[in-house]
PDB file of all heavy atoms in Angstrom:
ATOM      1  N   THR A   1       3.829   1.589 -12.220  1.00  0.00           N
ATOM      2  CA  THR A   1       3.271   1.463 -10.821  1.00  0.00           C
ATOM      3  C   THR A   1       2.292   2.550 -10.570  1.00  0.00           C
ATOM      4  O   THR A   1       2.218   3.587 -11.237  1.00  0.00           O
ATOM      5  CB  THR A   1       4.440   1.600  -9.743  1.00  0.00           C
ATOM      6  OG1 THR A   1       4.906   2.821  -9.887  1.00  0.00           O
ATOM      7  CG2 THR A   1       5.495   0.509  -9.893  1.00  0.00           C
ATOM      8  N   VAL A   2       1.509   2.403  -9.579  1.00  0.00           N
ATOM      9  CA  VAL A   2       0.719   3.356  -8.853  1.00  0.00           C
ATOM     10  C   VAL A   2       1.335   3.594  -7.491  1.00  0.00           C
ATOM     11  O   VAL A   2       1.908   2.557  -6.914  1.00  0.00           O
ATOM     12  CB  VAL A   2      -0.790   2.997  -8.879  1.00  0.00           C
ATOM     13  CG1 VAL A   2      -1.422   3.054 -10.305  1.00  0.00           C
ATOM     14  CG2 VAL A   2      -1.095   1.754  -8.141  1.00  0.00           C
ATOM     15  N   GLU A   3       1.265   4.683  -6.939  1.00  0.00           N
ATOM     16  CA  GLU A   3       1.823   4.939  -5.645  1.00  0.00           C
ATOM     17  C   GLU A   3       0.852   5.677  -4.772  1.00  0.00           C
ATOM     18  O   GLU A   3      -0.036   6.316  -5.135  1.00  0.00           O
ATOM     19  CB  GLU A   3       3.082   5.747  -5.781  1.00  0.00           C
ATOM     20  CG  GLU A   3       3.055   7.143  -6.353  1.00  0.00           C
ATOM     21  CD  GLU A   3       4.344   7.855  -6.455  1.00  0.00           C
ATOM     22  OE1 GLU A   3       5.236   7.266  -7.096  1.00  0.00           O
ATOM     23  OE2 GLU A   3       4.487   9.018  -5.979  1.00  0.00           O
ATOM     24  N   GLN A   4       1.167   5.596  -3.413  1.00  0.00           N
ATOM     25  CA  GLN A   4       0.429   6.235  -2.330  1.00  0.00           C
ATOM     26  C   GLN A   4       1.335   6.593  -1.245  1.00  0.00           C
ATOM     27  O   GLN A   4       2.151   5.854  -0.764  1.00  0.00           O
ATOM     28  CB  GLN A   4      -0.629   5.237  -1.874  1.00  0.00           C
ATOM     29  CG  GLN A   4      -1.503   5.806  -0.797  1.00  0.00           C
ATOM     30  CD  GLN A   4      -2.510   6.814  -1.296  1.00  0.00           C
ATOM     31  OE1 GLN A   4      -3.046   6.705  -2.382  1.00  0.00           O
ATOM     32  NE2 GLN A   4      -2.577   8.012  -0.578  1.00  0.00           N
ATOM     33  N   SER A   5       1.197   7.897  -0.878  1.00  0.00           N
ATOM     34  CA  SER A   5       2.003   8.467   0.340  1.00  0.00           C
ATOM     35  C   SER A   5       1.215   8.402   1.559  1.00  0.00           C
ATOM     36  O   SER A   5       0.027   8.467   1.497  1.00  0.00           O
ATOM     37  CB  SER A   5       2.645   9.822  -0.030  1.00  0.00           C
ATOM     38  OG  SER A   5       3.443   9.852  -1.117  1.00  0.00           O
ATOM     39  N   TYR A   6       1.871   8.313   2.691  1.00  0.00           N
ATOM     40  CA  TYR A   6       1.287   8.283   3.970  1.00  0.00           C
ATOM     41  C   TYR A   6       2.175   8.974   5.002  1.00  0.00           C
ATOM     42  O   TYR A   6       3.382   9.018   4.810  1.00  0.00           O
ATOM     43  CB  TYR A   6       0.792   6.896   4.366  1.00  0.00           C
ATOM     44  CG  TYR A   6       1.933   5.875   4.397  1.00  0.00           C
ATOM     45  CD1 TYR A   6       2.527   5.586   5.687  1.00  0.00           C
ATOM     46  CD2 TYR A   6       2.425   5.309   3.298  1.00  0.00           C
ATOM     47  CE1 TYR A   6       3.500   4.691   5.852  1.00  0.00           C
ATOM     48  CE2 TYR A   6       3.595   4.393   3.435  1.00  0.00           C
ATOM     49  CZ  TYR A   6       4.000   4.079   4.662  1.00  0.00           C
ATOM     50  OH  TYR A   6       5.046   3.208   4.790  1.00  0.00           O
ATOM     51  N   ASP A   7       1.487   9.292   6.123  1.00  0.00           N
ATOM     52  CA  ASP A   7       2.278   9.971   7.180  1.00  0.00           C
ATOM     53  C   ASP A   7       3.001   9.016   8.111  1.00  0.00           C
ATOM     54  O   ASP A   7       2.446   8.026   8.438  1.00  0.00           O
ATOM     55  CB  ASP A   7       1.408  10.890   7.955  1.00  0.00           C
ATOM     56  CG  ASP A   7       0.914  12.060   7.105  1.00  0.00           C
ATOM     57  OD1 ASP A   7       1.569  12.613   6.369  1.00  0.00           O
ATOM     58  OD2 ASP A   7      -0.205  12.504   7.453  1.00  0.00           O
ATOM     59  N   LEU A   8       4.179   9.346   8.463  1.00  0.00           N
ATOM     60  CA  LEU A   8       4.930   8.659   9.430  1.00  0.00           C
ATOM     61  C   LEU A   8       5.046   9.621  10.705  1.00  0.00           C
ATOM     62  O   LEU A   8       4.591  10.798  10.558  1.00  0.00           O
ATOM     63  CB  LEU A   8       6.387   8.386   8.981  1.00  0.00           C
ATOM     64  CG  LEU A   8       6.607   7.495   7.784  1.00  0.00           C
ATOM     65  CD1 LEU A   8       7.959   7.613   7.244  1.00  0.00           C
ATOM     66  CD2 LEU A   8       6.120   6.083   8.181  1.00  0.00           C
ATOM     67  N   GLU A   9       5.614   9.172  11.797  1.00  0.00           N
ATOM     68  CA  GLU A   9       5.819  10.047  12.976  1.00  0.00           C
ATOM     69  C   GLU A   9       6.546  11.285  12.663  1.00  0.00           C
ATOM     70  O   GLU A   9       6.252  12.326  13.059  1.00  0.00           O
ATOM     71  CB  GLU A   9       6.454   9.136  14.015  1.00  0.00           C
ATOM     72  CG  GLU A   9       6.425   9.890  15.370  1.00  0.00           C
ATOM     73  CD  GLU A   9       6.919   8.999  16.509  1.00  0.00           C
ATOM     74  OE1 GLU A   9       7.377   7.822  16.280  1.00  0.00           O
ATOM     75  OE2 GLU A   9       7.053   9.586  17.589  1.00  0.00           O
ATOM     76  N   TYR A  10       7.620  11.050  11.874  1.00  0.00           N
ATOM     77  CA  TYR A  10       8.403  12.205  11.483  1.00  0.00           C
ATOM     78  C   TYR A  10       8.611  12.301   9.941  1.00  0.00           C
ATOM     79  O   TYR A  10       9.636  12.064   9.485  1.00  0.00           O
ATOM     80  CB  TYR A  10       9.794  12.187  12.239  1.00  0.00           C
ATOM     81  CG  TYR A  10       9.738  12.033  13.621  1.00  0.00           C
ATOM     82  CD1 TYR A  10       9.982  10.905  14.376  1.00  0.00           C
ATOM     83  CD2 TYR A  10       9.442  13.179  14.425  1.00  0.00           C
ATOM     84  CE1 TYR A  10       9.848  10.808  15.751  1.00  0.00           C
ATOM     85  CE2 TYR A  10       9.316  13.131  15.829  1.00  0.00           C
ATOM     86  CZ  TYR A  10       9.533  11.929  16.442  1.00  0.00           C
ATOM     87  OH  TYR A  10       9.553  11.832  17.842  1.00  0.00           O
ATOM     88  N   GLY A  11       7.579  12.722   9.249  1.00  0.00           N
ATOM     89  CA  GLY A  11       7.638  12.719   7.830  1.00  0.00           C
ATOM     90  C   GLY A  11       6.715  11.941   7.123  1.00  0.00           C
ATOM     91  O   GLY A  11       5.534  11.627   7.581  1.00  0.00           O
ATOM     92  N   THR A  12       6.947  11.562   5.804  1.00  0.00           N
ATOM     93  CA  THR A  12       6.094  10.808   5.087  1.00  0.00           C
ATOM     94  C   THR A  12       6.874   9.597   4.358  1.00  0.00           C
ATOM     95  O   THR A  12       8.126   9.694   4.275  1.00  0.00           O
ATOM     96  CB  THR A  12       5.434  11.610   3.889  1.00  0.00           C
ATOM     97  OG1 THR A  12       6.398  12.163   3.018  1.00  0.00           O
ATOM     98  CG2 THR A  12       4.562  12.739   4.453  1.00  0.00           C
ATOM     99  N   ALA A  13       6.119   8.647   3.832  1.00  0.00           N
ATOM    100  CA  ALA A  13       6.697   7.619   3.046  1.00  0.00           C
ATOM    101  C   ALA A  13       5.776   7.241   1.945  1.00  0.00           C
ATOM    102  O   ALA A  13       4.600   7.713   1.914  1.00  0.00           O
ATOM    103  CB  ALA A  13       6.888   6.295   3.951  1.00  0.00           C
ATOM    104  N   THR A  14       6.265   6.534   0.964  1.00  0.00           N
ATOM    105  CA  THR A  14       5.561   6.273  -0.212  1.00  0.00           C
ATOM    106  C   THR A  14       5.728   4.779  -0.592  1.00  0.00           C
ATOM    107  O   THR A  14       6.825   4.253  -0.533  1.00  0.00           O
ATOM    108  CB  THR A  14       5.906   7.143  -1.513  1.00  0.00           C
ATOM    109  OG1 THR A  14       5.803   8.525  -1.118  1.00  0.00           O
ATOM    110  CG2 THR A  14       5.050   6.821  -2.702  1.00  0.00           C
ATOM    111  N   ILE A  15       4.499   4.133  -0.822  1.00  0.00           N
ATOM    112  CA  ILE A  15       4.638   2.753  -1.316  1.00  0.00           C
ATOM    113  C   ILE A  15       3.980   2.648  -2.719  1.00  0.00           C
ATOM    114  O   ILE A  15       3.262   3.505  -3.138  1.00  0.00           O
ATOM    115  CB  ILE A  15       3.895   1.787  -0.328  1.00  0.00           C
ATOM    116  CG1 ILE A  15       2.476   2.158  -0.032  1.00  0.00           C
ATOM    117  CG2 ILE A  15       4.747   1.605   0.888  1.00  0.00           C
ATOM    118  CD1 ILE A  15       1.685   1.263   0.820  1.00  0.00           C
ATOM    119  N   GLU A  16       4.267   1.572  -3.344  1.00  0.00           N
ATOM    120  CA  GLU A  16       3.727   1.407  -4.649  1.00  0.00           C
ATOM    121  C   GLU A  16       3.542  -0.090  -5.024  1.00  0.00           C
ATOM    122  O   GLU A  16       4.011  -0.967  -4.356  1.00  0.00           O
ATOM    123  CB  GLU A  16       4.696   2.096  -5.693  1.00  0.00           C
ATOM    124  CG  GLU A  16       6.069   1.631  -5.825  1.00  0.00           C
ATOM    125  CD  GLU A  16       6.896   2.418  -6.718  1.00  0.00           C
ATOM    126  OE1 GLU A  16       6.493   3.523  -7.312  1.00  0.00           O
ATOM    127  OE2 GLU A  16       8.046   1.947  -6.937  1.00  0.00           O
ATOM    128  N   VAL A  17       2.808  -0.266  -6.172  1.00  0.00           N
ATOM    129  CA  VAL A  17       2.440  -1.577  -6.668  1.00  0.00           C
ATOM    130  C   VAL A  17       2.396  -1.569  -8.134  1.00  0.00           C
ATOM    131  O   VAL A  17       2.082  -0.563  -8.737  1.00  0.00           O
ATOM    132  CB  VAL A  17       1.153  -2.099  -6.004  1.00  0.00           C
ATOM    133  CG1 VAL A  17      -0.049  -1.290  -6.501  1.00  0.00           C
ATOM    134  CG2 VAL A  17       0.863  -3.601  -6.219  1.00  0.00           C
ATOM    135  N   HIS A  18       2.788  -2.653  -8.722  1.00  0.00           N
ATOM    136  CA  HIS A  18       2.674  -2.658 -10.217  1.00  0.00           C
ATOM    137  C   HIS A  18       1.223  -2.458 -10.693  1.00  0.00           C
ATOM    138  O   HIS A  18       0.255  -2.981 -10.160  1.00  0.00           O
ATOM    139  CB  HIS A  18       3.132  -4.029 -10.732  1.00  0.00           C
ATOM    140  CG  HIS A  18       4.650  -4.209 -10.831  1.00  0.00           C
ATOM    141  ND1 HIS A  18       5.211  -5.305 -10.392  1.00  0.00           N
ATOM    142  CD2 HIS A  18       5.573  -3.367 -11.380  1.00  0.00           C
ATOM    143  CE1 HIS A  18       6.575  -5.173 -10.516  1.00  0.00           C
ATOM    144  NE2 HIS A  18       6.699  -4.028 -11.245  1.00  0.00           N
ATOM    145  N   LYS A  19       1.041  -1.584 -11.660  1.00  0.00           N
ATOM    146  CA  LYS A  19      -0.243  -1.158 -12.091  1.00  0.00           C
ATOM    147  C   LYS A  19      -1.093  -2.369 -12.664  1.00  0.00           C
ATOM    148  O   LYS A  19      -2.278  -2.296 -12.547  1.00  0.00           O
ATOM    149  CB  LYS A  19      -0.082  -0.112 -13.209  1.00  0.00           C
ATOM    150  CG  LYS A  19      -1.381   0.673 -13.524  1.00  0.00           C
ATOM    151  CD  LYS A  19      -0.939   1.840 -14.457  1.00  0.00           C
ATOM    152  CE  LYS A  19      -2.142   2.762 -14.570  1.00  0.00           C
ATOM    153  NZ  LYS A  19      -1.746   3.876 -15.477  1.00  0.00           N
ATOM    154  N   ASP A  20      -0.440  -3.432 -13.155  1.00  0.00           N
ATOM    155  CA  ASP A  20      -1.151  -4.557 -13.744  1.00  0.00           C
ATOM    156  C   ASP A  20      -1.235  -5.734 -12.809  1.00  0.00           C
ATOM    157  O   ASP A  20      -1.742  -6.821 -13.160  1.00  0.00           O
ATOM    158  CB  ASP A  20      -0.429  -4.958 -15.039  1.00  0.00           C
ATOM    159  CG  ASP A  20       0.934  -5.520 -14.765  1.00  0.00           C
ATOM    160  OD1 ASP A  20       1.533  -5.363 -13.683  1.00  0.00           O
ATOM    161  OD2 ASP A  20       1.651  -5.926 -15.782  1.00  0.00           O
ATOM    162  N   SER A  21      -0.902  -5.557 -11.470  1.00  0.00           N
ATOM    163  CA  SER A  21      -0.844  -6.621 -10.582  1.00  0.00           C
ATOM    164  C   SER A  21      -2.217  -6.940  -9.988  1.00  0.00           C
ATOM    165  O   SER A  21      -2.482  -8.145  -9.573  1.00  0.00           O
ATOM    166  CB  SER A  21       0.159  -6.394  -9.428  1.00  0.00           C
ATOM    167  OG  SER A  21      -0.268  -5.276  -8.728  1.00  0.00           O
ATOM    168  N   ILE A  22      -3.120  -6.072 -10.006  1.00  0.00           N
ATOM    169  CA  ILE A  22      -4.513  -6.277  -9.473  1.00  0.00           C
ATOM    170  C   ILE A  22      -5.481  -5.807 -10.563  1.00  0.00           C
ATOM    171  O   ILE A  22      -5.341  -4.649 -11.026  1.00  0.00           O
ATOM    172  CB  ILE A  22      -4.709  -5.567  -8.166  1.00  0.00           C
ATOM    173  CG1 ILE A  22      -3.711  -6.004  -7.056  1.00  0.00           C
ATOM    174  CG2 ILE A  22      -6.151  -5.589  -7.625  1.00  0.00           C
ATOM    175  CD1 ILE A  22      -3.629  -5.214  -5.812  1.00  0.00           C
ATOM    176  N   GLN A  23      -6.422  -6.647 -10.802  1.00  0.00           N
ATOM    177  CA  GLN A  23      -7.417  -6.317 -11.901  1.00  0.00           C
ATOM    178  C   GLN A  23      -8.699  -5.842 -11.175  1.00  0.00           C
ATOM    179  O   GLN A  23      -9.058  -6.256 -10.097  1.00  0.00           O
ATOM    180  CB  GLN A  23      -7.690  -7.580 -12.758  1.00  0.00           C
ATOM    181  CG  GLN A  23      -6.470  -7.969 -13.436  1.00  0.00           C
ATOM    182  CD  GLN A  23      -5.702  -6.929 -14.230  1.00  0.00           C
ATOM    183  OE1 GLN A  23      -6.425  -6.229 -15.047  1.00  0.00           O
ATOM    184  NE2 GLN A  23      -4.435  -6.876 -14.095  1.00  0.00           N
ATOM    185  N   PRO A  24      -9.523  -5.019 -11.903  1.00  0.00           N
ATOM    186  CA  PRO A  24     -10.788  -4.641 -11.251  1.00  0.00           C
ATOM    187  C   PRO A  24     -11.657  -5.716 -10.827  1.00  0.00           C
ATOM    188  O   PRO A  24     -11.676  -6.846 -11.586  1.00  0.00           O
ATOM    189  CB  PRO A  24     -11.426  -3.814 -12.454  1.00  0.00           C
ATOM    190  CG  PRO A  24     -10.368  -3.355 -13.170  1.00  0.00           C
ATOM    191  CD  PRO A  24      -9.255  -4.374 -13.212  1.00  0.00           C
ATOM    192  N   GLY A  25     -12.211  -5.658  -9.668  1.00  0.00           N
ATOM    193  CA  GLY A  25     -13.049  -6.723  -9.102  1.00  0.00           C
ATOM    194  C   GLY A  25     -12.369  -7.857  -8.447  1.00  0.00           C
ATOM    195  O   GLY A  25     -13.011  -8.660  -7.673  1.00  0.00           O
ATOM    196  N   GLN A  26     -10.948  -7.841  -8.407  1.00  0.00           N
ATOM    197  CA  GLN A  26     -10.346  -8.918  -7.629  1.00  0.00           C
ATOM    198  C   GLN A  26     -10.358  -8.589  -6.175  1.00  0.00           C
ATOM    199  O   GLN A  26     -10.179  -7.423  -5.792  1.00  0.00           O
ATOM    200  CB  GLN A  26      -8.872  -9.072  -8.153  1.00  0.00           C
ATOM    201  CG  GLN A  26      -8.819  -9.768  -9.458  1.00  0.00           C
ATOM    202  CD  GLN A  26      -7.407 -10.017  -9.903  1.00  0.00           C
ATOM    203  OE1 GLN A  26      -6.510  -9.105  -9.867  1.00  0.00           O
ATOM    204  NE2 GLN A  26      -7.083 -11.308 -10.247  1.00  0.00           N
ATOM    205  N   LYS A  27     -10.557  -9.698  -5.361  1.00  0.00           N
ATOM    206  CA  LYS A  27     -10.551  -9.468  -3.938  1.00  0.00           C
ATOM    207  C   LYS A  27      -9.174  -9.755  -3.346  1.00  0.00           C
ATOM    208  O   LYS A  27      -8.621 -10.864  -3.628  1.00  0.00           O
ATOM    209  CB  LYS A  27     -11.628 -10.372  -3.443  1.00  0.00           C
ATOM    210  CG  LYS A  27     -13.062 -10.084  -3.776  1.00  0.00           C
ATOM    211  CD  LYS A  27     -14.131 -11.109  -3.314  1.00  0.00           C
ATOM    212  CE  LYS A  27     -15.496 -10.648  -3.652  1.00  0.00           C
ATOM    213  NZ  LYS A  27     -15.853 -11.273  -4.852  1.00  0.00           N
ATOM    214  N   VAL A  28      -8.816  -8.839  -2.478  1.00  0.00           N
ATOM    215  CA  VAL A  28      -7.384  -8.874  -1.880  1.00  0.00           C
ATOM    216  C   VAL A  28      -7.307  -8.934  -0.504  1.00  0.00           C
ATOM    217  O   VAL A  28      -7.988  -8.173   0.183  1.00  0.00           O
ATOM    218  CB  VAL A  28      -6.649  -7.582  -2.528  1.00  0.00           C
ATOM    219  CG1 VAL A  28      -5.172  -7.595  -2.114  1.00  0.00           C
ATOM    220  CG2 VAL A  28      -6.656  -7.559  -4.058  1.00  0.00           C
ATOM    221  N   ILE A  29      -6.413  -9.771  -0.021  1.00  0.00           N
ATOM    222  CA  ILE A  29      -6.017  -9.877   1.466  1.00  0.00           C
ATOM    223  C   ILE A  29      -4.736  -9.067   1.529  1.00  0.00           C
ATOM    224  O   ILE A  29      -3.822  -9.244   0.700  1.00  0.00           O
ATOM    225  CB  ILE A  29      -5.711 -11.320   1.822  1.00  0.00           C
ATOM    226  CG1 ILE A  29      -6.915 -12.232   1.681  1.00  0.00           C
ATOM    227  CG2 ILE A  29      -5.223 -11.278   3.294  1.00  0.00           C
ATOM    228  CD1 ILE A  29      -8.190 -11.896   2.553  1.00  0.00           C
ATOM    229  N   ILE A  30      -4.733  -8.195   2.473  1.00  0.00           N
ATOM    230  CA  ILE A  30      -3.485  -7.294   2.706  1.00  0.00           C
ATOM    231  C   ILE A  30      -3.032  -7.883   3.985  1.00  0.00           C
ATOM    232  O   ILE A  30      -3.643  -8.075   5.011  1.00  0.00           O
ATOM    233  CB  ILE A  30      -3.786  -5.829   2.793  1.00  0.00           C
ATOM    234  CG1 ILE A  30      -4.279  -5.282   1.435  1.00  0.00           C
ATOM    235  CG2 ILE A  30      -2.452  -5.126   3.220  1.00  0.00           C
ATOM    236  CD1 ILE A  30      -4.649  -3.793   1.516  1.00  0.00           C
ATOM    237  N   ILE A  31      -1.654  -8.163   4.059  1.00  0.00           N
ATOM    238  CA  ILE A  31      -0.950  -8.749   5.124  1.00  0.00           C
ATOM    239  C   ILE A  31       0.328  -7.996   5.480  1.00  0.00           C
ATOM    240  O   ILE A  31       1.064  -7.519   4.624  1.00  0.00           O
ATOM    241  CB  ILE A  31      -0.585 -10.277   5.022  1.00  0.00           C
ATOM    242  CG1 ILE A  31       0.012 -10.802   6.343  1.00  0.00           C
ATOM    243  CG2 ILE A  31       0.242 -10.489   3.867  1.00  0.00           C
ATOM    244  CD1 ILE A  31       0.209 -12.204   6.311  1.00  0.00           C
ATOM    245  N   ASP A  32       0.432  -7.757   6.772  1.00  0.00           N
ATOM    246  CA  ASP A  32       1.793  -7.205   7.300  1.00  0.00           C
ATOM    247  C   ASP A  32       1.951  -7.853   8.724  1.00  0.00           C
ATOM    248  O   ASP A  32       1.098  -8.481   9.238  1.00  0.00           O
ATOM    249  CB  ASP A  32       1.684  -5.708   7.418  1.00  0.00           C
ATOM    250  CG  ASP A  32       3.112  -5.050   7.374  1.00  0.00           C
ATOM    251  OD1 ASP A  32       4.051  -5.840   7.344  1.00  0.00           O
ATOM    252  OD2 ASP A  32       3.140  -3.827   7.340  1.00  0.00           O
ATOM    253  N   ASP A  33       3.168  -7.794   9.149  1.00  0.00           N
ATOM    254  CA  ASP A  33       3.483  -8.495  10.392  1.00  0.00           C
ATOM    255  C   ASP A  33       2.739  -7.797  11.590  1.00  0.00           C
ATOM    256  O   ASP A  33       2.447  -8.518  12.549  1.00  0.00           O
ATOM    257  CB  ASP A  33       4.986  -8.525  10.642  1.00  0.00           C
ATOM    258  CG  ASP A  33       5.651  -7.200  10.892  1.00  0.00           C
ATOM    259  OD1 ASP A  33       5.246  -6.222  10.298  1.00  0.00           O
ATOM    260  OD2 ASP A  33       6.515  -7.132  11.720  1.00  0.00           O
ATOM    261  N   LEU A  34       2.563  -6.474  11.529  1.00  0.00           N
ATOM    262  CA  LEU A  34       2.140  -5.775  12.687  1.00  0.00           C
ATOM    263  C   LEU A  34       1.257  -4.644  12.313  1.00  0.00           C
ATOM    264  O   LEU A  34       1.616  -3.901  11.276  1.00  0.00           O
ATOM    265  CB  LEU A  34       3.401  -5.313  13.468  1.00  0.00           C
ATOM    266  CG  LEU A  34       3.245  -4.442  14.641  1.00  0.00           C
ATOM    267  CD1 LEU A  34       4.241  -4.951  15.738  1.00  0.00           C
ATOM    268  CD2 LEU A  34       3.432  -3.031  14.371  1.00  0.00           C
ATOM    269  N   ILE A  35       0.259  -4.358  13.100  1.00  0.00           N
ATOM    270  CA  ILE A  35      -0.516  -3.167  12.842  1.00  0.00           C
ATOM    271  C   ILE A  35      -0.276  -2.200  14.049  1.00  0.00           C
ATOM    272  O   ILE A  35      -0.439  -2.707  15.207  1.00  0.00           O
ATOM    273  CB  ILE A  35      -2.026  -3.395  12.628  1.00  0.00           C
ATOM    274  CG1 ILE A  35      -2.871  -1.970  12.650  1.00  0.00           C
ATOM    275  CG2 ILE A  35      -2.611  -4.255  13.757  1.00  0.00           C
ATOM    276  CD1 ILE A  35      -4.304  -2.186  12.369  1.00  0.00           C
ATOM    277  N   ALA A  36       0.161  -1.021  13.823  1.00  0.00           N
ATOM    278  CA  ALA A  36       0.429  -0.072  14.845  1.00  0.00           C
ATOM    279  C   ALA A  36      -0.537   1.170  14.588  1.00  0.00           C
ATOM    280  O   ALA A  36      -1.650   1.086  15.051  1.00  0.00           O
ATOM    281  CB  ALA A  36       1.993   0.435  14.850  1.00  0.00           C
ATOM    282  N   THR A  37      -0.131   2.151  13.903  1.00  0.00           N
ATOM    283  CA  THR A  37      -1.023   3.219  13.597  1.00  0.00           C
ATOM    284  C   THR A  37      -1.980   3.060  12.468  1.00  0.00           C
ATOM    285  O   THR A  37      -2.908   3.753  12.282  1.00  0.00           O
ATOM    286  CB  THR A  37      -0.258   4.597  13.380  1.00  0.00           C
ATOM    287  OG1 THR A  37       0.548   4.391  12.295  1.00  0.00           O
ATOM    288  CG2 THR A  37       0.706   4.858  14.520  1.00  0.00           C
TER     289      THR A  37
END
C-alpha cells in the first residue's frame, strides 16, 4: 500500500490504498457520504 496521514480534531489518522489499484493517468472519482473539514 501507500498511505497518507491527516489531522483530526484530536490527533491524526492514516488511510491507505493498494499500490497497484490506480495506474498513472487514470481519472478517479472520490466519494464519501459527507464532507465536513
